[in-house]
Amino acid sequence: MAGVLEHLHWPLQKRPKIEQQVFPSYRLDLKALELDTAKEILREVFGTSTADVEEMIRQRLAERERM
């Protein structure tokens, strides 16, 4: 029985080590979802189009960079 268990354990030792990442794509997906939600809220509040909302965001970012 011990010989069988050794054969089962051996391939696990030979596998390459994989670095665990702490959900990197999850964070990006969450930020993208938050941005889309914010854009949707802005469209509803101001009664504008998607292009207008994107332009407002660009203007705010440009103002922030100038400061």
N, C-alpha and C. Protein backbone atom coordinates (compact mmCIF):
# COMPACT_ATOMS: atom_id res chain seq x y z
N MET A 1 0.82 -1.20 0.00
CA MET A 1 0.00 0.00 0.00
C MET A 1 0.86 1.26 0.00
N ALA A 2 1.96 1.24 0.75
CA ALA A 2 2.84 2.41 0.81
C ALA A 2 3.42 2.72 -0.56
N GLY A 3 3.73 1.70 -1.33
CA GLY A 3 4.29 1.91 -2.66
C GLY A 3 3.31 2.62 -3.59
N VAL A 4 2.05 2.30 -3.47
CA VAL A 4 1.03 2.94 -4.30
C VAL A 4 0.91 4.41 -3.92
N LEU A 5 0.91 4.71 -2.64
CA LEU A 5 0.80 6.09 -2.20
C LEU A 5 2.00 6.92 -2.63
N GLU A 6 3.19 6.31 -2.64
CA GLU A 6 4.38 7.04 -3.11
C GLU A 6 4.25 7.40 -4.58
N HIS A 7 3.70 6.51 -5.38
CA HIS A 7 3.53 6.79 -6.80
C HIS A 7 2.49 7.89 -7.02
N LEU A 8 1.51 7.99 -6.15
CA LEU A 8 0.51 9.04 -6.29
C LEU A 8 1.08 10.39 -5.86
N HIS A 9 1.95 10.38 -4.87
CA HIS A 9 2.51 11.62 -4.33
C HIS A 9 3.61 12.18 -5.24
N TRP A 10 4.34 11.31 -5.93
CA TRP A 10 5.49 11.73 -6.74
C TRP A 10 5.13 12.73 -7.84
N PRO A 11 4.06 12.53 -8.63
CA PRO A 11 3.75 13.52 -9.68
C PRO A 11 3.41 14.90 -9.11
N LEU A 12 2.86 14.94 -7.92
CA LEU A 12 2.52 16.22 -7.32
C LEU A 12 3.78 17.02 -7.00
N GLN A 13 4.85 16.33 -6.66
CA GLN A 13 6.11 17.01 -6.35
C GLN A 13 6.78 17.53 -7.62
N LYS A 14 6.53 16.92 -8.75
CA LYS A 14 7.17 17.30 -10.01
C LYS A 14 6.46 18.46 -10.72
N ARG A 15 5.25 18.79 -10.29
CA ARG A 15 4.53 19.88 -10.95
C ARG A 15 5.25 21.20 -10.75
N PRO A 16 5.25 22.07 -11.75
CA PRO A 16 5.88 23.38 -11.56
C PRO A 16 5.09 24.21 -10.55
N LYS A 17 5.81 24.99 -9.80
CA LYS A 17 5.16 25.85 -8.80
C LYS A 17 4.50 27.01 -9.53
N ILE A 18 3.30 27.33 -9.13
CA ILE A 18 2.55 28.44 -9.72
C ILE A 18 2.37 29.50 -8.64
N GLU A 19 2.76 30.73 -8.98
CA GLU A 19 2.56 31.82 -8.03
C GLU A 19 1.09 32.17 -7.97
N GLN A 20 0.58 32.25 -6.78
CA GLN A 20 -0.81 32.63 -6.61
C GLN A 20 -0.94 34.14 -6.68
N GLN A 21 -1.87 34.61 -7.47
CA GLN A 21 -2.14 36.03 -7.56
C GLN A 21 -3.44 36.31 -6.83
N VAL A 22 -3.52 37.44 -6.20
CA VAL A 22 -4.70 37.78 -5.42
C VAL A 22 -5.73 38.45 -6.31
N PHE A 23 -6.42 37.67 -7.10
CA PHE A 23 -7.50 38.12 -7.95
C PHE A 23 -7.17 39.39 -8.73
N PRO A 24 -6.09 39.44 -9.51
CA PRO A 24 -5.77 40.68 -10.23
C PRO A 24 -6.84 41.05 -11.25
N SER A 25 -7.38 40.09 -11.96
CA SER A 25 -8.39 40.42 -12.97
C SER A 25 -9.71 40.80 -12.30
N TYR A 26 -9.96 40.26 -11.11
CA TYR A 26 -11.18 40.60 -10.38
C TYR A 26 -11.19 42.08 -10.03
N ARG A 27 -10.04 42.60 -9.60
CA ARG A 27 -9.97 44.03 -9.26
C ARG A 27 -10.23 44.90 -10.48
N LEU A 28 -9.65 44.51 -11.61
CA LEU A 28 -9.85 45.28 -12.83
C LEU A 28 -11.30 45.22 -13.27
N ASP A 29 -11.89 44.04 -13.18
CA ASP A 29 -13.29 43.91 -13.56
C ASP A 29 -14.18 44.74 -12.64
N LEU A 30 -13.85 44.77 -11.35
CA LEU A 30 -14.63 45.54 -10.40
C LEU A 30 -14.53 47.03 -10.69
N LYS A 31 -13.31 47.51 -10.99
CA LYS A 31 -13.14 48.93 -11.32
C LYS A 31 -13.89 49.28 -12.59
N ALA A 32 -13.85 48.42 -13.59
CA ALA A 32 -14.56 48.67 -14.84
C ALA A 32 -16.07 48.71 -14.59
N LEU A 33 -16.55 47.81 -13.74
CA LEU A 33 -17.97 47.80 -13.42
C LEU A 33 -18.37 49.07 -12.67
N GLU A 34 -17.52 49.51 -11.74
CA GLU A 34 -17.80 50.76 -11.01
C GLU A 34 -17.84 51.95 -11.96
N LEU A 35 -16.91 51.99 -12.91
CA LEU A 35 -16.88 53.09 -13.87
C LEU A 35 -18.12 53.08 -14.75
N ASP A 36 -18.50 51.92 -15.23
CA ASP A 36 -19.71 51.82 -16.06
C ASP A 36 -20.96 52.24 -15.28
N THR A 37 -21.02 51.85 -14.02
CA THR A 37 -22.16 52.22 -13.18
C THR A 37 -22.20 53.73 -12.97
N ALA A 38 -21.03 54.32 -12.72
CA ALA A 38 -20.96 55.78 -12.53
C ALA A 38 -21.39 56.51 -13.80
N LYS A 39 -20.96 56.02 -14.95
CA LYS A 39 -21.35 56.64 -16.22
C LYS A 39 -22.86 56.55 -16.41
N GLU A 40 -23.43 55.42 -16.06
CA GLU A 40 -24.87 55.25 -16.21
C GLU A 40 -25.63 56.21 -15.29
N ILE A 41 -25.15 56.37 -14.07
CA ILE A 41 -25.78 57.31 -13.14
C ILE A 41 -25.69 58.73 -13.67
N LEU A 42 -24.52 59.11 -14.18
CA LEU A 42 -24.36 60.46 -14.75
C LEU A 42 -25.30 60.68 -15.92
N ARG A 43 -25.44 59.67 -16.77
CA ARG A 43 -26.37 59.80 -17.92
C ARG A 43 -27.79 60.05 -17.43
N GLU A 44 -28.20 59.30 -16.41
CA GLU A 44 -29.57 59.44 -15.90
C GLU A 44 -29.77 60.79 -15.19
N VAL A 45 -28.79 61.19 -14.38
CA VAL A 45 -28.93 62.44 -13.61
C VAL A 45 -28.96 63.65 -14.53
N PHE A 46 -28.03 63.67 -15.50
CA PHE A 46 -27.94 64.83 -16.38
C PHE A 46 -28.76 64.68 -17.66
N GLY A 47 -29.34 63.51 -17.89
CA GLY A 47 -30.14 63.30 -19.09
C GLY A 47 -29.33 63.47 -20.36
N THR A 48 -28.11 62.92 -20.38
CA THR A 48 -27.22 63.10 -21.53
C THR A 48 -26.90 61.76 -22.17
N SER A 49 -26.12 61.83 -23.24
CA SER A 49 -25.71 60.62 -23.94
C SER A 49 -24.39 60.10 -23.36
N THR A 50 -24.03 58.92 -23.78
CA THR A 50 -22.77 58.32 -23.35
C THR A 50 -21.58 59.18 -23.77
N ALA A 51 -21.64 59.73 -24.97
CA ALA A 51 -20.55 60.57 -25.46
C ALA A 51 -20.39 61.82 -24.60
N ASP A 52 -21.51 62.41 -24.17
CA ASP A 52 -21.45 63.59 -23.30
C ASP A 52 -20.83 63.26 -21.95
N VAL A 53 -21.19 62.11 -21.41
CA VAL A 53 -20.63 61.69 -20.12
C VAL A 53 -19.12 61.48 -20.25
N GLU A 54 -18.71 60.83 -21.31
CA GLU A 54 -17.27 60.59 -21.52
C GLU A 54 -16.53 61.92 -21.67
N GLU A 55 -17.14 62.87 -22.35
CA GLU A 55 -16.52 64.19 -22.52
C GLU A 55 -16.41 64.91 -21.17
N MET A 56 -17.43 64.79 -20.33
CA MET A 56 -17.37 65.39 -18.99
C MET A 56 -16.20 64.79 -18.19
N ILE A 57 -16.05 63.49 -18.28
CA ILE A 57 -14.97 62.82 -17.55
C ILE A 57 -13.61 63.29 -18.07
N ARG A 58 -13.47 63.38 -19.40
CA ARG A 58 -12.20 63.86 -19.98
C ARG A 58 -11.88 65.28 -19.51
N GLN A 59 -12.89 66.14 -19.48
CA GLN A 59 -12.67 67.51 -19.03
C GLN A 59 -12.24 67.55 -17.57
N ARG A 60 -12.88 66.75 -16.73
CA ARG A 60 -12.50 66.71 -15.31
C ARG A 60 -11.07 66.23 -15.14
N LEU A 61 -10.68 65.20 -15.90
CA LEU A 61 -9.31 64.69 -15.81
C LEU A 61 -8.31 65.73 -16.28
N ALA A 62 -8.66 66.48 -17.34
CA ALA A 62 -7.77 67.52 -17.84
C ALA A 62 -7.62 68.63 -16.80
N GLU A 63 -8.73 69.00 -16.15
CA GLU A 63 -8.67 70.03 -15.11
C GLU A 63 -7.80 69.57 -13.95
N ARG A 64 -7.93 68.32 -13.59
CA ARG A 64 -7.16 67.76 -12.48
C ARG A 64 -5.67 67.75 -12.81
N GLU A 65 -5.31 67.46 -14.06
CA GLU A 65 -3.90 67.44 -14.47
C GLU A 65 -3.29 68.83 -14.45
N ARG A 66 -4.08 69.85 -14.75
CA ARG A 66 -3.58 71.22 -14.77
C ARG A 66 -3.26 71.75 -13.39
N MET A 67 -3.87 71.19 -12.38
CA MET A 67 -3.67 71.69 -11.01
C MET A 67 -2.37 71.24 -10.42
